[in-house]
Amino acid sequence: MSLKLYVVSCDLLQEGDYASLKARLRTLDARQLLAHQWALRSVLTAAELKETLREFIDECDRIVVAEVGSEWASRRAFCSLGEV
């Protein structure tokens, strides 16, 4: 299976630093793009990644996992998608 590039975006609505979510993302070699947005490469599907991360967020939080195509652009992100 080939690695696909994904962007994970969250609305983290509860107080706190979500340390367990950030730790899990690090184990997946995710790179932070914005305050609550990360990019990673994985053989998992978007749905599988969402389920993997869902246990680290609160029930009222939101999460989107989207596969990135060949075209993208950013400005002042913490890292470039080309570095992921």
PDB file of N, CA and C in Angstrom:
ATOM      1  N   MET A   1       0.837  -1.184   0.000  1.00  0.00           N
ATOM      2  CA  MET A   1       0.000   0.000   0.000  1.00  0.00           C
ATOM      3  C   MET A   1       0.881   1.246   0.000  1.00  0.00           C
ATOM      4  N   SER A   2       0.441   2.251  -0.713  1.00  0.00           N
ATOM      5  CA  SER A   2       1.225   3.480  -0.778  1.00  0.00           C
ATOM      6  C   SER A   2       0.761   4.473   0.285  1.00  0.00           C
ATOM      7  N   LEU A   3       1.678   5.315   0.689  1.00  0.00           N
ATOM      8  CA  LEU A   3       1.357   6.353   1.667  1.00  0.00           C
ATOM      9  C   LEU A   3       0.566   7.459   0.996  1.00  0.00           C
ATOM     10  N   LYS A   4      -0.471   7.918   1.666  1.00  0.00           N
ATOM     11  CA  LYS A   4      -1.267   9.044   1.192  1.00  0.00           C
ATOM     12  C   LYS A   4      -1.039  10.213   2.139  1.00  0.00           C
ATOM     13  N   LEU A   5      -1.131  11.430   1.600  1.00  0.00           N
ATOM     14  CA  LEU A   5      -0.966  12.641   2.395  1.00  0.00           C
ATOM     15  C   LEU A   5      -2.331  13.104   2.888  1.00  0.00           C
ATOM     16  N   TYR A   6      -2.446  13.284   4.203  1.00  0.00           N
ATOM     17  CA  TYR A   6      -3.696  13.720   4.820  1.00  0.00           C
ATOM     18  C   TYR A   6      -3.478  14.997   5.609  1.00  0.00           C
ATOM     19  N   VAL A   7      -4.535  15.799   5.687  1.00  0.00           N
ATOM     20  CA  VAL A   7      -4.600  16.934   6.591  1.00  0.00           C
ATOM     21  C   VAL A   7      -5.673  16.622   7.621  1.00  0.00           C
ATOM     22  N   VAL A   8      -5.329  16.811   8.892  1.00  0.00           N
ATOM     23  CA  VAL A   8      -6.251  16.598  10.001  1.00  0.00           C
ATOM     24  C   VAL A   8      -6.529  17.953  10.625  1.00  0.00           C
ATOM     25  N   SER A   9      -7.788  18.346  10.661  1.00  0.00           N
ATOM     26  CA  SER A   9      -8.199  19.621  11.251  1.00  0.00           C
ATOM     27  C   SER A   9      -9.179  19.348  12.382  1.00  0.00           C
ATOM     28  N   CYS A  10      -9.027  20.083  13.472  1.00  0.00           N
ATOM     29  CA  CYS A  10      -9.897  19.896  14.631  1.00  0.00           C
ATOM     30  C   CYS A  10     -10.397  21.224  15.157  1.00  0.00           C
ATOM     31  N   ASP A  11     -11.645  21.224  15.623  1.00  0.00           N
ATOM     32  CA  ASP A  11     -12.163  22.278  16.481  1.00  0.00           C
ATOM     33  C   ASP A  11     -12.141  21.684  17.874  1.00  0.00           C
ATOM     34  N   LEU A  12     -11.204  22.115  18.692  1.00  0.00           N
ATOM     35  CA  LEU A  12     -11.059  21.596  20.047  1.00  0.00           C
ATOM     36  C   LEU A  12     -11.759  22.570  20.981  1.00  0.00           C
ATOM     37  N   LEU A  13     -12.947  22.201  21.430  1.00  0.00           N
ATOM     38  CA  LEU A  13     -13.851  23.128  22.099  1.00  0.00           C
ATOM     39  C   LEU A  13     -13.736  23.123  23.618  1.00  0.00           C
ATOM     40  N   GLN A  14     -13.051  22.147  24.185  1.00  0.00           N
ATOM     41  CA  GLN A  14     -12.909  22.061  25.635  1.00  0.00           C
ATOM     42  C   GLN A  14     -11.627  22.771  26.089  1.00  0.00           C
ATOM     43  N   GLU A  15     -11.598  23.179  27.333  1.00  0.00           N
ATOM     44  CA  GLU A  15     -10.392  23.770  27.913  1.00  0.00           C
ATOM     45  C   GLU A  15      -9.334  22.683  28.040  1.00  0.00           C
ATOM     46  N   GLY A  16      -8.091  23.042  27.933  1.00  0.00           N
ATOM     47  CA  GLY A  16      -7.021  22.070  28.095  1.00  0.00           C
ATOM     48  C   GLY A  16      -6.086  22.067  26.913  1.00  0.00           C
ATOM     49  N   ASP A  17      -5.016  21.311  27.037  1.00  0.00           N
ATOM     50  CA  ASP A  17      -3.985  21.335  26.001  1.00  0.00           C
ATOM     51  C   ASP A  17      -4.030  20.128  25.071  1.00  0.00           C
ATOM     52  N   TYR A  18      -4.905  19.165  25.340  1.00  0.00           N
ATOM     53  CA  TYR A  18      -5.058  17.993  24.474  1.00  0.00           C
ATOM     54  C   TYR A  18      -3.713  17.281  24.262  1.00  0.00           C
ATOM     55  N   ALA A  19      -2.966  17.131  25.336  1.00  0.00           N
ATOM     56  CA  ALA A  19      -1.640  16.513  25.263  1.00  0.00           C
ATOM     57  C   ALA A  19      -1.687  15.102  24.683  1.00  0.00           C
ATOM     58  N   SER A  20      -2.717  14.322  25.010  1.00  0.00           N
ATOM     59  CA  SER A  20      -2.780  12.949  24.505  1.00  0.00           C
ATOM     60  C   SER A  20      -3.024  12.934  22.995  1.00  0.00           C
ATOM     61  N   LEU A  21      -3.816  13.870  22.484  1.00  0.00           N
ATOM     62  CA  LEU A  21      -4.031  13.976  21.039  1.00  0.00           C
ATOM     63  C   LEU A  21      -2.724  14.334  20.350  1.00  0.00           C
ATOM     64  N   LYS A  22      -2.032  15.308  20.873  1.00  0.00           N
ATOM     65  CA  LYS A  22      -0.767  15.733  20.270  1.00  0.00           C
ATOM     66  C   LYS A  22       0.272  14.603  20.324  1.00  0.00           C
ATOM     67  N   ALA A  23       0.289  13.857  21.408  1.00  0.00           N
ATOM     68  CA  ALA A  23       1.219  12.728  21.520  1.00  0.00           C
ATOM     69  C   ALA A  23       0.884  11.655  20.487  1.00  0.00           C
ATOM     70  N   ARG A  24      -0.402  11.377  20.303  1.00  0.00           N
ATOM     71  CA  ARG A  24      -0.798  10.374  19.303  1.00  0.00           C
ATOM     72  C   ARG A  24      -0.432  10.826  17.897  1.00  0.00           C
ATOM     73  N   LEU A  25      -0.645  12.096  17.605  1.00  0.00           N
ATOM     74  CA  LEU A  25      -0.268  12.628  16.299  1.00  0.00           C
ATOM     75  C   LEU A  25       1.239  12.511  16.077  1.00  0.00           C
ATOM     76  N   ARG A  26       2.023  12.732  17.128  1.00  0.00           N
ATOM     77  CA  ARG A  26       3.487  12.581  17.010  1.00  0.00           C
ATOM     78  C   ARG A  26       3.854  11.141  16.681  1.00  0.00           C
ATOM     79  N   THR A  27       3.147  10.161  17.275  1.00  0.00           N
ATOM     80  CA  THR A  27       3.453   8.756  16.973  1.00  0.00           C
ATOM     81  C   THR A  27       3.120   8.417  15.529  1.00  0.00           C
ATOM     82  N   LEU A  28       2.235   9.195  14.917  1.00  0.00           N
ATOM     83  CA  LEU A  28       1.896   9.014  13.507  1.00  0.00           C
ATOM     84  C   LEU A  28       2.795   9.846  12.598  1.00  0.00           C
ATOM     85  N   ASP A  29       3.812  10.490  13.169  1.00  0.00           N
ATOM     86  CA  ASP A  29       4.735  11.365  12.442  1.00  0.00           C
ATOM     87  C   ASP A  29       4.032  12.550  11.792  1.00  0.00           C
ATOM     88  N   ALA A  30       2.968  13.024  12.435  1.00  0.00           N
ATOM     89  CA  ALA A  30       2.252  14.194  11.924  1.00  0.00           C
ATOM     90  C   ALA A  30       3.060  15.458  12.182  1.00  0.00           C
ATOM     91  N   ARG A  31       2.933  16.409  11.284  1.00  0.00           N
ATOM     92  CA  ARG A  31       3.582  17.718  11.406  1.00  0.00           C
ATOM     93  C   ARG A  31       2.501  18.768  11.568  1.00  0.00           C
ATOM     94  N   GLN A  32       2.683  19.656  12.529  1.00  0.00           N
ATOM     95  CA  GLN A  32       1.684  20.679  12.780  1.00  0.00           C
ATOM     96  C   GLN A  32       1.766  21.768  11.714  1.00  0.00           C
ATOM     97  N   LEU A  33       0.605  22.111  11.148  1.00  0.00           N
ATOM     98  CA  LEU A  33       0.514  23.159  10.135  1.00  0.00           C
ATOM     99  C   LEU A  33       0.009  24.463  10.737  1.00  0.00           C
ATOM    100  N   LEU A  34      -1.070  24.373  11.509  1.00  0.00           N
ATOM    101  CA  LEU A  34      -1.689  25.522  12.165  1.00  0.00           C
ATOM    102  C   LEU A  34      -2.031  25.117  13.592  1.00  0.00           C
ATOM    103  N   ALA A  35      -2.682  25.975  14.337  1.00  0.00           N
ATOM    104  CA  ALA A  35      -2.945  25.713  15.758  1.00  0.00           C
ATOM    105  C   ALA A  35      -3.596  24.352  15.999  1.00  0.00           C
ATOM    106  N   HIS A  36      -4.584  23.999  15.204  1.00  0.00           N
ATOM    107  CA  HIS A  36      -5.268  22.715  15.378  1.00  0.00           C
ATOM    108  C   HIS A  36      -5.367  21.979  14.047  1.00  0.00           C
ATOM    109  N   GLN A  37      -4.267  21.997  13.312  1.00  0.00           N
ATOM    110  CA  GLN A  37      -4.236  21.325  12.011  1.00  0.00           C
ATOM    111  C   GLN A  37      -2.871  20.674  11.821  1.00  0.00           C
ATOM    112  N   TRP A  38      -2.899  19.415  11.362  1.00  0.00           N
ATOM    113  CA  TRP A  38      -1.682  18.646  11.167  1.00  0.00           C
ATOM    114  C   TRP A  38      -1.712  17.969   9.807  1.00  0.00           C
ATOM    115  N   ALA A  39      -0.545  17.582   9.328  1.00  0.00           N
ATOM    116  CA  ALA A  39      -0.435  16.814   8.087  1.00  0.00           C
ATOM    117  C   ALA A  39       0.378  15.563   8.384  1.00  0.00           C
ATOM    118  N   LEU A  40       0.017  14.484   7.713  1.00  0.00           N
ATOM    119  CA  LEU A  40       0.753  13.242   7.895  1.00  0.00           C
ATOM    120  C   LEU A  40       0.566  12.361   6.675  1.00  0.00           C
ATOM    121  N   ARG A  41       1.479  11.419   6.520  1.00  0.00           N
ATOM    122  CA  ARG A  41       1.370  10.401   5.486  1.00  0.00           C
ATOM    123  C   ARG A  41       1.053   9.091   6.169  1.00  0.00           C
ATOM    124  N   SER A  42       0.126   8.333   5.560  1.00  0.00           N
ATOM    125  CA  SER A  42      -0.303   7.083   6.182  1.00  0.00           C
ATOM    126  C   SER A  42      -0.868   6.138   5.122  1.00  0.00           C
ATOM    127  N   VAL A  43      -0.826   4.848   5.439  1.00  0.00           N
ATOM    128  CA  VAL A  43      -1.497   3.845   4.599  1.00  0.00           C
ATOM    129  C   VAL A  43      -2.949   3.678   5.032  1.00  0.00           C
ATOM    130  N   LEU A  44      -3.309   4.240   6.184  1.00  0.00           N
ATOM    131  CA  LEU A  44      -4.685   4.160   6.658  1.00  0.00           C
ATOM    132  C   LEU A  44      -5.603   5.017   5.794  1.00  0.00           C
ATOM    133  N   THR A  45      -6.890   4.720   5.817  1.00  0.00           N
ATOM    134  CA  THR A  45      -7.866   5.566   5.138  1.00  0.00           C
ATOM    135  C   THR A  45      -8.190   6.770   6.022  1.00  0.00           C
ATOM    136  N   ALA A  46      -8.849   7.758   5.437  1.00  0.00           N
ATOM    137  CA  ALA A  46      -9.268   8.928   6.210  1.00  0.00           C
ATOM    138  C   ALA A  46     -10.182   8.508   7.361  1.00  0.00           C
ATOM    139  N   ALA A  47     -11.112   7.596   7.094  1.00  0.00           N
ATOM    140  CA  ALA A  47     -12.026   7.127   8.135  1.00  0.00           C
ATOM    141  C   ALA A  47     -11.278   6.405   9.256  1.00  0.00           C
ATOM    142  N   GLU A  48     -10.276   5.604   8.907  1.00  0.00           N
ATOM    143  CA  GLU A  48      -9.484   4.901   9.920  1.00  0.00           C
ATOM    144  C   GLU A  48      -8.680   5.885  10.765  1.00  0.00           C
ATOM    145  N   LEU A  49      -8.109   6.894  10.133  1.00  0.00           N
ATOM    146  CA  LEU A  49      -7.376   7.911  10.896  1.00  0.00           C
ATOM    147  C   LEU A  49      -8.305   8.672  11.828  1.00  0.00           C
ATOM    148  N   LYS A  50      -9.491   9.022  11.336  1.00  0.00           N
ATOM    149  CA  LYS A  50     -10.463   9.730  12.175  1.00  0.00           C
ATOM    150  C   LYS A  50     -10.804   8.904  13.402  1.00  0.00           C
ATOM    151  N   GLU A  51     -11.067   7.619  13.209  1.00  0.00           N
ATOM    152  CA  GLU A  51     -11.399   6.749  14.341  1.00  0.00           C
ATOM    153  C   GLU A  51     -10.213   6.607  15.293  1.00  0.00           C
ATOM    154  N   THR A  52      -9.005   6.546  14.755  1.00  0.00           N
ATOM    155  CA  THR A  52      -7.806   6.448  15.587  1.00  0.00           C
ATOM    156  C   THR A  52      -7.661   7.676  16.486  1.00  0.00           C
ATOM    157  N   LEU A  53      -7.955   8.851  15.948  1.00  0.00           N
ATOM    158  CA  LEU A  53      -7.775  10.096  16.693  1.00  0.00           C
ATOM    159  C   LEU A  53      -8.989  10.461  17.545  1.00  0.00           C
ATOM    160  N   ARG A  54     -10.135   9.929  17.205  1.00  0.00           N
ATOM    161  CA  ARG A  54     -11.377  10.293  17.883  1.00  0.00           C
ATOM    162  C   ARG A  54     -11.329  10.034  19.384  1.00  0.00           C
ATOM    163  N   GLU A  55     -10.644   8.992  19.795  1.00  0.00           N
ATOM    164  CA  GLU A  55     -10.594   8.662  21.222  1.00  0.00           C
ATOM    165  C   GLU A  55      -9.785   9.684  22.027  1.00  0.00           C
ATOM    166  N   PHE A  56      -9.066  10.576  21.358  1.00  0.00           N
ATOM    167  CA  PHE A  56      -8.238  11.565  22.043  1.00  0.00           C
ATOM    168  C   PHE A  56      -8.870  12.947  22.079  1.00  0.00           C
ATOM    169  N   ILE A  57     -10.103  13.067  21.574  1.00  0.00           N
ATOM    170  CA  ILE A  57     -10.810  14.345  21.619  1.00  0.00           C
ATOM    171  C   ILE A  57     -12.111  14.161  22.380  1.00  0.00           C
ATOM    172  N   ASP A  58     -12.688  15.269  22.831  1.00  0.00           N
ATOM    173  CA  ASP A  58     -13.953  15.216  23.561  1.00  0.00           C
ATOM    174  C   ASP A  58     -15.120  15.011  22.607  1.00  0.00           C
ATOM    175  N   GLU A  59     -16.229  14.566  23.152  1.00  0.00           N
ATOM    176  CA  GLU A  59     -17.415  14.261  22.346  1.00  0.00           C
ATOM    177  C   GLU A  59     -17.928  15.486  21.584  1.00  0.00           C
ATOM    178  N   CYS A  60     -17.780  16.677  22.142  1.00  0.00           N
ATOM    179  CA  CYS A  60     -18.290  17.887  21.478  1.00  0.00           C
ATOM    180  C   CYS A  60     -17.292  18.478  20.469  1.00  0.00           C
ATOM    181  N   ASP A  61     -16.063  17.983  20.445  1.00  0.00           N
ATOM    182  CA  ASP A  61     -15.060  18.466  19.490  1.00  0.00           C
ATOM    183  C   ASP A  61     -15.389  17.990  18.077  1.00  0.00           C
ATOM    184  N   ARG A  62     -14.778  18.655  17.094  1.00  0.00           N
ATOM    185  CA  ARG A  62     -14.974  18.291  15.695  1.00  0.00           C
ATOM    186  C   ARG A  62     -13.631  17.876  15.089  1.00  0.00           C
ATOM    187  N   ILE A  63     -13.686  16.969  14.119  1.00  0.00           N
ATOM    188  CA  ILE A  63     -12.464  16.539  13.439  1.00  0.00           C
ATOM    189  C   ILE A  63     -12.769  16.267  11.968  1.00  0.00           C
ATOM    190  N   VAL A  64     -11.859  16.677  11.110  1.00  0.00           N
ATOM    191  CA  VAL A  64     -11.941  16.404   9.681  1.00  0.00           C
ATOM    192  C   VAL A  64     -10.601  15.824   9.255  1.00  0.00           C
ATOM    193  N   VAL A  65     -10.629  14.707   8.550  1.00  0.00           N
ATOM    194  CA  VAL A  65      -9.434  14.107   7.971  1.00  0.00           C
ATOM    195  C   VAL A  65      -9.658  14.077   6.467  1.00  0.00           C
ATOM    196  N   ALA A  66      -8.788  14.751   5.718  1.00  0.00           N
ATOM    197  CA  ALA A  66      -8.966  14.845   4.270  1.00  0.00           C
ATOM    198  C   ALA A  66      -7.667  14.496   3.556  1.00  0.00           C
ATOM    199  N   GLU A  67      -7.796  13.698   2.503  1.00  0.00           N
ATOM    200  CA  GLU A  67      -6.634  13.387   1.678  1.00  0.00           C
ATOM    201  C   GLU A  67      -6.304  14.602   0.816  1.00  0.00           C
ATOM    202  N   VAL A  68      -5.018  14.907   0.710  1.00  0.00           N
ATOM    203  CA  VAL A  68      -4.562  16.046  -0.077  1.00  0.00           C
ATOM    204  C   VAL A  68      -4.155  15.558  -1.459  1.00  0.00           C
ATOM    205  N   GLY A  69      -4.637  16.244  -2.486  1.00  0.00           N
ATOM    206  CA  GLY A  69      -4.272  15.912  -3.858  1.00  0.00           C
ATOM    207  C   GLY A  69      -2.908  16.474  -4.213  1.00  0.00           C
ATOM    208  N   SER A  70      -2.649  16.579  -5.478  1.00  0.00           N
ATOM    209  CA  SER A  70      -1.332  17.001  -5.930  1.00  0.00           C
ATOM    210  C   SER A  70      -1.117  18.513  -5.852  1.00  0.00           C
ATOM    211  N   GLU A  71      -2.184  19.273  -5.685  1.00  0.00           N
ATOM    212  CA  GLU A  71      -2.026  20.718  -5.654  1.00  0.00           C
ATOM    213  C   GLU A  71      -2.423  21.259  -4.286  1.00  0.00           C
ATOM    214  N   TRP A  72      -1.592  22.120  -3.734  1.00  0.00           N
ATOM    215  CA  TRP A  72      -1.862  22.745  -2.446  1.00  0.00           C
ATOM    216  C   TRP A  72      -1.042  24.025  -2.343  1.00  0.00           C
ATOM    217  N   ALA A  73      -1.408  24.877  -1.429  1.00  0.00           N
ATOM    218  CA  ALA A  73      -0.664  26.111  -1.174  1.00  0.00           C
ATOM    219  C   ALA A  73      -0.863  26.490   0.285  1.00  0.00           C
ATOM    220  N   SER A  74       0.098  27.187   0.834  1.00  0.00           N
ATOM    221  CA  SER A  74      -0.029  27.658   2.213  1.00  0.00           C
ATOM    222  C   SER A  74       0.732  28.972   2.371  1.00  0.00           C
ATOM    223  N   ARG A  75       0.414  29.674   3.430  1.00  0.00           N
ATOM    224  CA  ARG A  75       1.128  30.903   3.767  1.00  0.00           C
ATOM    225  C   ARG A  75       1.331  30.914   5.267  1.00  0.00           C
ATOM    226  N   ARG A  76       2.570  30.981   5.669  1.00  0.00           N
ATOM    227  CA  ARG A  76       2.969  31.092   7.065  1.00  0.00           C
ATOM    228  C   ARG A  76       2.522  29.904   7.927  1.00  0.00           C
ATOM    229  N   ALA A  77       2.368  28.753   7.335  1.00  0.00           N
ATOM    230  CA  ALA A  77       2.091  27.547   8.116  1.00  0.00           C
ATOM    231  C   ALA A  77       3.339  27.197   8.916  1.00  0.00           C
ATOM    232  N   PHE A  78       3.165  26.444  10.000  1.00  0.00           N
ATOM    233  CA  PHE A  78       4.301  26.041  10.817  1.00  0.00           C
ATOM    234  C   PHE A  78       5.294  25.198  10.032  1.00  0.00           C
ATOM    235  N   CYS A  79       4.798  24.422   9.066  1.00  0.00           N
ATOM    236  CA  CYS A  79       5.666  23.663   8.168  1.00  0.00           C
ATOM    237  C   CYS A  79       4.957  23.556   6.835  1.00  0.00           C
ATOM    238  N   SER A  80       5.687  23.200   5.813  1.00  0.00           N
ATOM    239  CA  SER A  80       5.129  23.056   4.482  1.00  0.00           C
ATOM    240  C   SER A  80       4.663  21.618   4.271  1.00  0.00           C
ATOM    241  N   LEU A  81       3.593  21.437   3.523  1.00  0.00           N
ATOM    242  CA  LEU A  81       3.162  20.071   3.220  1.00  0.00           C
ATOM    243  C   LEU A  81       4.260  19.306   2.482  1.00  0.00           C
ATOM    244  N   GLY A  82       5.137  20.003   1.788  1.00  0.00           N
ATOM    245  CA  GLY A  82       6.240  19.350   1.112  1.00  0.00           C
ATOM    246  C   GLY A  82       7.235  18.730   2.082  1.00  0.00           C
ATOM    247  N   GLU A  83       7.202  19.148   3.350  1.00  0.00           N
ATOM    248  CA  GLU A  83       8.105  18.601   4.363  1.00  0.00           C
ATOM    249  C   GLU A  83       7.541  17.377   5.051  1.00  0.00           C
ATOM    250  N   VAL A  84       6.294  17.047   4.790  1.00  0.00           N
ATOM    251  CA  VAL A  84       5.625  15.928   5.474  1.00  0.00           C
ATOM    252  C   VAL A  84       5.928  14.636   4.756  1.00  0.00           C
TER     253      VAL A  84
END
